């Protein structure tokens, strides 16, 4: 390699050094992503009554956690934030087994798909479910 080629490669090496091979910091999670994760993980949390209770605001925990464990949840559109609350459309579908429950002999829900508006409440740094109608 001659001197001129070496000089031309210096900016390339400098650029690669600045860019790096990837950032060690994880990408920032938005408030909406945090809220959506709370909703989409509800089916798994419902398999354990204690974990299920932590997903909801105080006083809003449904007693029928088994019904929630037998369904899956998917965000069906953009959430609407109003202060510390968010209303989000949630697609609810049946035929799902709870993954954290110990009793695998239970039948999966055979209810059809529906979409409901759920209300989430910001509690400290976390989103928690305030209202979660199944249909």
N, C-alpha and C. Protein backbone atom coordinates (compact mmCIF):
# COMPACT_ATOMS: atom_id res chain seq x y z
N UNK A 1 0.85 -1.16 0.00
CA UNK A 1 0.00 0.00 0.00
C UNK A 1 0.90 1.22 0.00
N UNK A 2 0.61 2.18 -0.89
CA UNK A 2 1.44 3.37 -0.96
C UNK A 2 0.91 4.46 -0.04
N UNK A 3 1.66 5.52 0.06
CA UNK A 3 1.34 6.60 0.99
C UNK A 3 0.02 7.28 0.65
N UNK A 4 -0.25 7.50 -0.64
CA UNK A 4 -1.48 8.18 -1.04
C UNK A 4 -2.72 7.34 -0.68
N UNK A 5 -2.62 6.03 -0.86
CA UNK A 5 -3.74 5.16 -0.52
C UNK A 5 -3.98 5.20 0.99
N UNK A 6 -2.91 5.21 1.76
CA UNK A 6 -3.04 5.28 3.22
C UNK A 6 -3.74 6.56 3.65
N UNK A 7 -3.38 7.68 3.04
CA UNK A 7 -4.00 8.96 3.36
C UNK A 7 -5.49 8.93 3.04
N UNK A 8 -5.86 8.31 1.91
CA UNK A 8 -7.27 8.25 1.51
C UNK A 8 -8.09 7.37 2.45
N UNK A 9 -7.48 6.40 3.10
CA UNK A 9 -8.19 5.49 3.98
C UNK A 9 -8.41 6.06 5.38
N UNK A 10 -7.69 7.10 5.74
CA UNK A 10 -7.83 7.68 7.08
C UNK A 10 -9.27 8.12 7.36
N UNK A 11 -9.93 8.86 6.44
CA UNK A 11 -11.32 9.24 6.73
C UNK A 11 -12.25 8.03 6.89
N UNK A 12 -12.00 6.98 6.15
CA UNK A 12 -12.83 5.78 6.26
C UNK A 12 -12.67 5.16 7.64
N UNK A 13 -11.44 5.02 8.11
CA UNK A 13 -11.21 4.46 9.44
C UNK A 13 -11.81 5.36 10.53
N UNK A 14 -11.70 6.66 10.33
CA UNK A 14 -12.27 7.60 11.31
C UNK A 14 -13.79 7.45 11.37
N UNK A 15 -14.42 7.31 10.21
CA UNK A 15 -15.87 7.15 10.16
C UNK A 15 -16.29 5.84 10.83
N UNK A 16 -15.59 4.77 10.56
CA UNK A 16 -15.91 3.49 11.18
C UNK A 16 -15.74 3.54 12.70
N UNK A 17 -14.75 4.29 13.16
CA UNK A 17 -14.53 4.42 14.59
C UNK A 17 -15.68 5.17 15.24
N UNK A 18 -16.16 6.22 14.58
CA UNK A 18 -17.27 7.01 15.13
C UNK A 18 -18.55 6.19 15.13
N UNK A 19 -18.83 5.49 14.03
CA UNK A 19 -20.05 4.70 13.91
C UNK A 19 -20.00 3.49 14.83
N UNK A 20 -18.89 2.83 14.87
CA UNK A 20 -18.77 1.63 15.68
C UNK A 20 -19.52 0.46 15.07
N UNK A 21 -19.53 -0.65 15.77
CA UNK A 21 -20.21 -1.85 15.28
C UNK A 21 -21.60 -1.98 15.87
N UNK A 22 -22.03 -1.01 16.58
CA UNK A 22 -23.36 -1.07 17.21
C UNK A 22 -23.28 -0.41 18.56
N UNK A 23 -24.36 0.11 18.97
CA UNK A 23 -24.39 0.79 20.25
C UNK A 23 -24.56 -0.21 21.38
N UNK A 24 -23.88 0.02 22.48
CA UNK A 24 -24.04 -0.86 23.63
C UNK A 24 -25.28 -0.50 24.43
N UNK A 25 -25.82 0.69 24.20
CA UNK A 25 -27.03 1.11 24.91
C UNK A 25 -28.25 0.59 24.16
N UNK A 26 -29.21 0.03 24.88
CA UNK A 26 -30.42 -0.44 24.21
C UNK A 26 -31.23 0.75 23.68
N UNK A 27 -32.02 0.53 22.64
CA UNK A 27 -32.83 1.64 22.15
C UNK A 27 -33.84 2.09 23.21
N UNK A 28 -34.12 3.36 23.22
CA UNK A 28 -35.05 3.91 24.22
C UNK A 28 -36.46 3.36 23.96
N UNK A 29 -37.13 3.00 25.02
CA UNK A 29 -38.49 2.50 24.92
C UNK A 29 -39.44 3.67 25.15
N UNK A 30 -40.37 3.85 24.24
CA UNK A 30 -41.32 4.95 24.37
C UNK A 30 -42.40 4.60 25.38
N UNK A 31 -43.11 5.60 25.84
CA UNK A 31 -44.21 5.37 26.77
C UNK A 31 -45.26 4.46 26.15
N UNK A 32 -45.53 4.65 24.86
CA UNK A 32 -46.52 3.82 24.19
C UNK A 32 -46.07 2.37 24.13
N UNK A 33 -44.82 2.13 23.83
CA UNK A 33 -44.30 0.76 23.78
C UNK A 33 -44.40 0.09 25.14
N UNK A 34 -44.13 0.83 26.20
CA UNK A 34 -44.23 0.31 27.55
C UNK A 34 -45.68 -0.07 27.86
N UNK A 35 -46.61 0.79 27.48
CA UNK A 35 -48.03 0.52 27.69
C UNK A 35 -48.48 -0.68 26.88
N UNK A 36 -48.07 -0.76 25.64
CA UNK A 36 -48.47 -1.85 24.76
C UNK A 36 -47.93 -3.19 25.28
N UNK A 37 -46.73 -3.19 25.82
CA UNK A 37 -46.15 -4.42 26.38
C UNK A 37 -46.98 -4.90 27.56
N UNK A 38 -47.49 -3.98 28.34
CA UNK A 38 -48.35 -4.32 29.49
C UNK A 38 -49.59 -5.06 29.00
N UNK A 39 -50.19 -4.60 27.92
CA UNK A 39 -51.40 -5.21 27.38
C UNK A 39 -51.09 -6.57 26.76
N UNK A 40 -50.08 -6.62 25.91
CA UNK A 40 -49.80 -7.85 25.17
C UNK A 40 -49.26 -8.97 26.05
N UNK A 41 -48.74 -8.65 27.22
CA UNK A 41 -48.26 -9.66 28.15
C UNK A 41 -49.30 -10.13 29.15
N UNK A 42 -50.51 -9.60 29.04
CA UNK A 42 -51.53 -9.91 30.04
C UNK A 42 -51.89 -11.39 30.07
N UNK A 43 -51.96 -12.04 28.94
CA UNK A 43 -52.31 -13.46 28.91
C UNK A 43 -51.35 -14.31 29.72
N UNK A 44 -50.07 -14.02 29.62
CA UNK A 44 -49.07 -14.75 30.41
C UNK A 44 -49.20 -14.42 31.89
N UNK A 45 -49.39 -13.15 32.20
CA UNK A 45 -49.50 -12.74 33.61
C UNK A 45 -50.74 -13.34 34.26
N UNK A 46 -51.78 -13.57 33.49
CA UNK A 46 -53.04 -14.08 34.05
C UNK A 46 -52.92 -15.51 34.54
N UNK A 47 -51.89 -16.24 34.14
CA UNK A 47 -51.69 -17.60 34.61
C UNK A 47 -51.29 -17.67 36.08
N UNK A 48 -50.85 -16.55 36.64
CA UNK A 48 -50.43 -16.48 38.04
C UNK A 48 -51.18 -15.33 38.70
N UNK A 49 -52.09 -15.62 39.64
CA UNK A 49 -52.91 -14.56 40.24
C UNK A 49 -52.09 -13.40 40.83
N UNK A 50 -50.94 -13.69 41.43
CA UNK A 50 -50.13 -12.61 42.01
C UNK A 50 -49.54 -11.72 40.92
N UNK A 51 -49.04 -12.34 39.85
CA UNK A 51 -48.47 -11.56 38.75
C UNK A 51 -49.58 -10.78 38.05
N UNK A 52 -50.73 -11.40 37.89
CA UNK A 52 -51.88 -10.77 37.25
C UNK A 52 -52.25 -9.48 37.99
N UNK A 53 -52.27 -9.53 39.30
CA UNK A 53 -52.64 -8.37 40.11
C UNK A 53 -51.68 -7.20 39.91
N UNK A 54 -50.41 -7.47 39.62
CA UNK A 54 -49.43 -6.39 39.47
C UNK A 54 -49.60 -5.62 38.17
N UNK A 55 -50.35 -6.15 37.23
CA UNK A 55 -50.55 -5.51 35.93
C UNK A 55 -51.64 -4.44 36.00
N UNK A 56 -52.50 -4.52 37.01
CA UNK A 56 -53.64 -3.61 37.14
C UNK A 56 -53.39 -2.57 38.21
N UNK A 57 -54.09 -1.43 38.08
CA UNK A 57 -54.05 -0.42 39.13
C UNK A 57 -54.78 -0.98 40.35
N UNK A 58 -54.44 -0.48 41.52
CA UNK A 58 -55.10 -0.93 42.75
C UNK A 58 -56.62 -0.78 42.63
N UNK A 59 -57.32 -1.82 43.02
CA UNK A 59 -58.78 -1.80 43.00
C UNK A 59 -59.42 -2.16 41.67
N UNK A 60 -58.63 -2.41 40.64
CA UNK A 60 -59.18 -2.70 39.31
C UNK A 60 -58.92 -4.13 38.84
N UNK A 61 -58.40 -4.97 39.72
CA UNK A 61 -58.04 -6.35 39.33
C UNK A 61 -59.30 -7.20 39.17
N UNK A 62 -59.56 -7.71 37.96
CA UNK A 62 -60.72 -8.59 37.77
C UNK A 62 -60.55 -9.90 38.55
N UNK A 63 -61.64 -10.42 39.06
CA UNK A 63 -61.57 -11.67 39.81
C UNK A 63 -61.47 -12.89 38.91
N UNK A 64 -61.83 -12.76 37.65
CA UNK A 64 -61.85 -13.89 36.72
C UNK A 64 -60.54 -13.99 35.91
N UNK A 65 -59.41 -14.06 36.61
CA UNK A 65 -58.12 -14.09 35.90
C UNK A 65 -58.02 -15.28 34.96
N UNK A 66 -58.74 -16.37 35.23
CA UNK A 66 -58.68 -17.55 34.36
C UNK A 66 -59.21 -17.21 32.97
N UNK A 67 -60.24 -16.36 32.90
CA UNK A 67 -60.79 -15.95 31.60
C UNK A 67 -59.75 -15.17 30.80
N UNK A 68 -58.96 -14.36 31.48
CA UNK A 68 -57.93 -13.58 30.81
C UNK A 68 -56.77 -14.47 30.36
N UNK A 69 -56.51 -15.53 31.11
CA UNK A 69 -55.41 -16.43 30.78
C UNK A 69 -55.69 -17.25 29.53
N UNK A 70 -56.93 -17.39 29.17
CA UNK A 70 -57.31 -18.21 28.03
C UNK A 70 -57.43 -17.40 26.74
N UNK A 71 -57.01 -16.19 26.79
CA UNK A 71 -57.10 -15.32 25.61
C UNK A 71 -55.75 -14.68 25.33
N UNK A 72 -55.62 -14.19 24.12
CA UNK A 72 -54.44 -13.45 23.72
C UNK A 72 -54.83 -12.01 23.42
N UNK A 73 -53.85 -11.12 23.46
CA UNK A 73 -54.12 -9.70 23.33
C UNK A 73 -53.12 -9.07 22.38
N UNK A 74 -53.64 -8.20 21.53
CA UNK A 74 -52.80 -7.54 20.53
C UNK A 74 -53.30 -6.11 20.37
N UNK A 75 -52.40 -5.17 20.28
CA UNK A 75 -52.77 -3.78 20.07
C UNK A 75 -53.37 -3.67 18.67
N UNK A 76 -54.55 -3.05 18.58
CA UNK A 76 -55.27 -3.00 17.31
C UNK A 76 -55.29 -1.60 16.69
N UNK A 77 -54.49 -0.70 17.20
CA UNK A 77 -54.45 0.66 16.66
C UNK A 77 -53.65 1.56 17.58
N UNK A 78 -53.65 2.82 17.27
CA UNK A 78 -52.90 3.79 18.08
C UNK A 78 -53.65 4.12 19.36
N UNK A 79 -52.88 4.25 20.43
CA UNK A 79 -53.46 4.67 21.69
C UNK A 79 -53.65 6.17 21.73
N UNK A 80 -54.59 6.61 22.53
CA UNK A 80 -54.85 8.04 22.70
C UNK A 80 -54.51 8.41 24.14
N UNK A 81 -53.50 9.23 24.29
CA UNK A 81 -53.03 9.63 25.61
C UNK A 81 -53.75 10.90 26.04
N UNK A 82 -54.22 10.89 27.28
CA UNK A 82 -54.87 12.06 27.88
C UNK A 82 -54.32 12.18 29.30
N UNK A 83 -53.27 12.97 29.46
CA UNK A 83 -52.63 13.11 30.77
C UNK A 83 -51.95 11.81 31.16
N UNK A 84 -52.33 11.26 32.31
CA UNK A 84 -51.74 10.01 32.80
C UNK A 84 -52.56 8.78 32.41
N UNK A 85 -53.50 8.95 31.47
CA UNK A 85 -54.29 7.82 31.02
C UNK A 85 -54.13 7.63 29.52
N UNK A 86 -54.30 6.40 29.09
CA UNK A 86 -54.25 6.08 27.68
C UNK A 86 -55.41 5.13 27.37
N UNK A 87 -56.13 5.43 26.30
CA UNK A 87 -57.15 4.53 25.80
C UNK A 87 -56.57 3.88 24.55
N UNK A 88 -56.64 2.56 24.50
CA UNK A 88 -56.03 1.83 23.40
C UNK A 88 -56.97 0.72 22.94
N UNK A 89 -57.14 0.57 21.61
CA UNK A 89 -57.94 -0.54 21.11
C UNK A 89 -57.15 -1.84 21.20
N UNK A 90 -57.78 -2.87 21.76
CA UNK A 90 -57.11 -4.15 21.98
C UNK A 90 -57.91 -5.25 21.28
N UNK A 91 -57.23 -5.99 20.41
CA UNK A 91 -57.84 -7.16 19.78
C UNK A 91 -57.69 -8.32 20.77
N UNK A 92 -58.81 -8.95 21.08
CA UNK A 92 -58.84 -10.07 22.02
C UNK A 92 -59.20 -11.31 21.21
N UNK A 93 -58.38 -12.33 21.31
CA UNK A 93 -58.65 -13.55 20.55
C UNK A 93 -58.58 -14.75 21.46
N UNK A 94 -59.34 -15.77 21.13
CA UNK A 94 -59.43 -16.98 21.95
C UNK A 94 -58.49 -18.06 21.46
N UNK A 95 -58.58 -19.22 22.11
CA UNK A 95 -57.77 -20.36 21.71
C UNK A 95 -56.36 -20.33 22.23
N UNK A 96 -56.11 -19.62 23.32
CA UNK A 96 -54.76 -19.48 23.86
C UNK A 96 -54.71 -20.14 25.23
N UNK A 97 -53.63 -20.88 25.50
CA UNK A 97 -53.39 -21.46 26.81
C UNK A 97 -52.48 -20.52 27.59
N UNK A 98 -52.71 -20.40 28.87
CA UNK A 98 -51.80 -19.62 29.72
C UNK A 98 -50.46 -20.33 29.76
N UNK A 99 -49.38 -19.60 29.59
CA UNK A 99 -48.06 -20.22 29.57
C UNK A 99 -47.42 -20.31 30.95
N UNK A 100 -47.94 -19.55 31.92
CA UNK A 100 -47.30 -19.58 33.23
C UNK A 100 -48.09 -20.41 34.23
N UNK A 101 -49.21 -20.96 33.84
CA UNK A 101 -50.01 -21.78 34.76
C UNK A 101 -49.50 -23.20 34.79
N UNK A 102 -49.74 -23.89 35.88
CA UNK A 102 -49.26 -25.25 36.02
C UNK A 102 -50.24 -26.29 35.50
N UNK A 103 -51.51 -25.96 35.34
CA UNK A 103 -52.52 -26.93 34.93
C UNK A 103 -52.73 -26.85 33.43
N UNK A 104 -52.13 -27.76 32.71
CA UNK A 104 -52.24 -27.79 31.25
C UNK A 104 -53.47 -28.55 30.76
N UNK A 105 -54.26 -29.11 31.67
CA UNK A 105 -55.42 -29.88 31.27
C UNK A 105 -56.61 -28.99 30.94
N UNK A 106 -56.53 -27.71 31.23
CA UNK A 106 -57.64 -26.80 30.96
C UNK A 106 -57.77 -26.59 29.45
N UNK A 107 -58.99 -26.47 29.01
CA UNK A 107 -59.28 -26.24 27.61
C UNK A 107 -59.03 -24.77 27.27
N UNK A 108 -58.49 -24.54 26.10
CA UNK A 108 -58.28 -23.16 25.65
C UNK A 108 -59.63 -22.52 25.36
N UNK A 109 -59.68 -21.22 25.49
CA UNK A 109 -60.90 -20.49 25.20
C UNK A 109 -61.24 -20.65 23.73
N UNK A 110 -62.51 -20.88 23.44
CA UNK A 110 -62.91 -20.99 22.05
C UNK A 110 -63.73 -19.77 21.62
N UNK A 111 -63.64 -18.69 22.39
CA UNK A 111 -64.37 -17.48 22.03
C UNK A 111 -63.72 -16.86 20.79
N UNK A 112 -64.53 -16.14 20.03
CA UNK A 112 -64.03 -15.51 18.82
C UNK A 112 -63.25 -14.25 19.10
N UNK A 113 -62.86 -13.60 18.02
CA UNK A 113 -62.12 -12.35 18.12
C UNK A 113 -63.06 -11.19 18.38
N UNK A 114 -62.59 -10.24 19.15
CA UNK A 114 -63.32 -9.00 19.39
C UNK A 114 -62.28 -7.90 19.62
N UNK A 115 -62.70 -6.68 19.48
CA UNK A 115 -61.83 -5.54 19.78
C UNK A 115 -62.54 -4.67 20.81
N UNK A 116 -61.83 -4.36 21.87
CA UNK A 116 -62.36 -3.53 22.95
C UNK A 116 -61.39 -2.38 23.23
N UNK A 117 -61.93 -1.27 23.72
CA UNK A 117 -61.08 -0.17 24.15
C UNK A 117 -60.74 -0.37 25.62
N UNK A 118 -59.45 -0.40 25.91
CA UNK A 118 -58.97 -0.55 27.29
C UNK A 118 -58.39 0.79 27.74
N UNK A 119 -58.44 1.00 29.04
CA UNK A 119 -57.88 2.21 29.63
C UNK A 119 -56.70 1.83 30.50
N UNK A 120 -55.57 2.48 30.26
CA UNK A 120 -54.38 2.28 31.07
C UNK A 120 -54.10 3.54 31.86
N UNK A 121 -53.50 3.36 33.02
CA UNK A 121 -53.19 4.48 33.91
C UNK A 121 -51.70 4.47 34.19
N UNK A 122 -51.08 5.63 34.13
CA UNK A 122 -49.67 5.76 34.46
C UNK A 122 -49.55 5.79 35.99
N UNK A 123 -48.78 4.84 36.54
CA UNK A 123 -48.55 4.76 37.98
C UNK A 123 -47.03 4.82 38.17
N UNK A 124 -46.57 5.97 38.63
CA UNK A 124 -45.11 6.16 38.73
C UNK A 124 -44.51 6.13 37.35
N UNK A 125 -43.58 5.21 37.12
CA UNK A 125 -42.93 5.06 35.82
C UNK A 125 -43.56 3.98 34.96
N UNK A 126 -44.60 3.32 35.45
CA UNK A 126 -45.19 2.18 34.75
C UNK A 126 -46.61 2.46 34.30
N UNK A 127 -47.00 1.77 33.24
CA UNK A 127 -48.39 1.76 32.82
C UNK A 127 -49.05 0.55 33.44
N UNK A 128 -50.26 0.73 33.94
CA UNK A 128 -51.04 -0.38 34.50
C UNK A 128 -52.44 -0.30 33.90
N UNK A 129 -53.09 -1.45 33.87
CA UNK A 129 -54.42 -1.51 33.26
C UNK A 129 -55.46 -1.05 34.29
N UNK A 130 -56.33 -0.17 33.84
CA UNK A 130 -57.41 0.34 34.69
C UNK A 130 -58.75 -0.31 34.33
N UNK A 131 -58.99 -0.45 33.04
CA UNK A 131 -60.21 -1.07 32.55
C UNK A 131 -59.85 -1.99 31.40
N UNK A 132 -60.28 -3.26 31.49
CA UNK A 132 -59.95 -4.24 30.45
C UNK A 132 -61.14 -5.15 30.18
N UNK A 133 -62.19 -4.61 29.53
CA UNK A 133 -63.34 -5.47 29.22
C UNK A 133 -62.97 -6.54 28.19
N UNK A 134 -63.50 -7.73 28.39
CA UNK A 134 -63.23 -8.82 27.45
C UNK A 134 -64.23 -8.85 26.29
N UNK A 135 -65.36 -8.24 26.46
CA UNK A 135 -66.31 -8.23 25.35
C UNK A 135 -67.73 -8.29 25.78
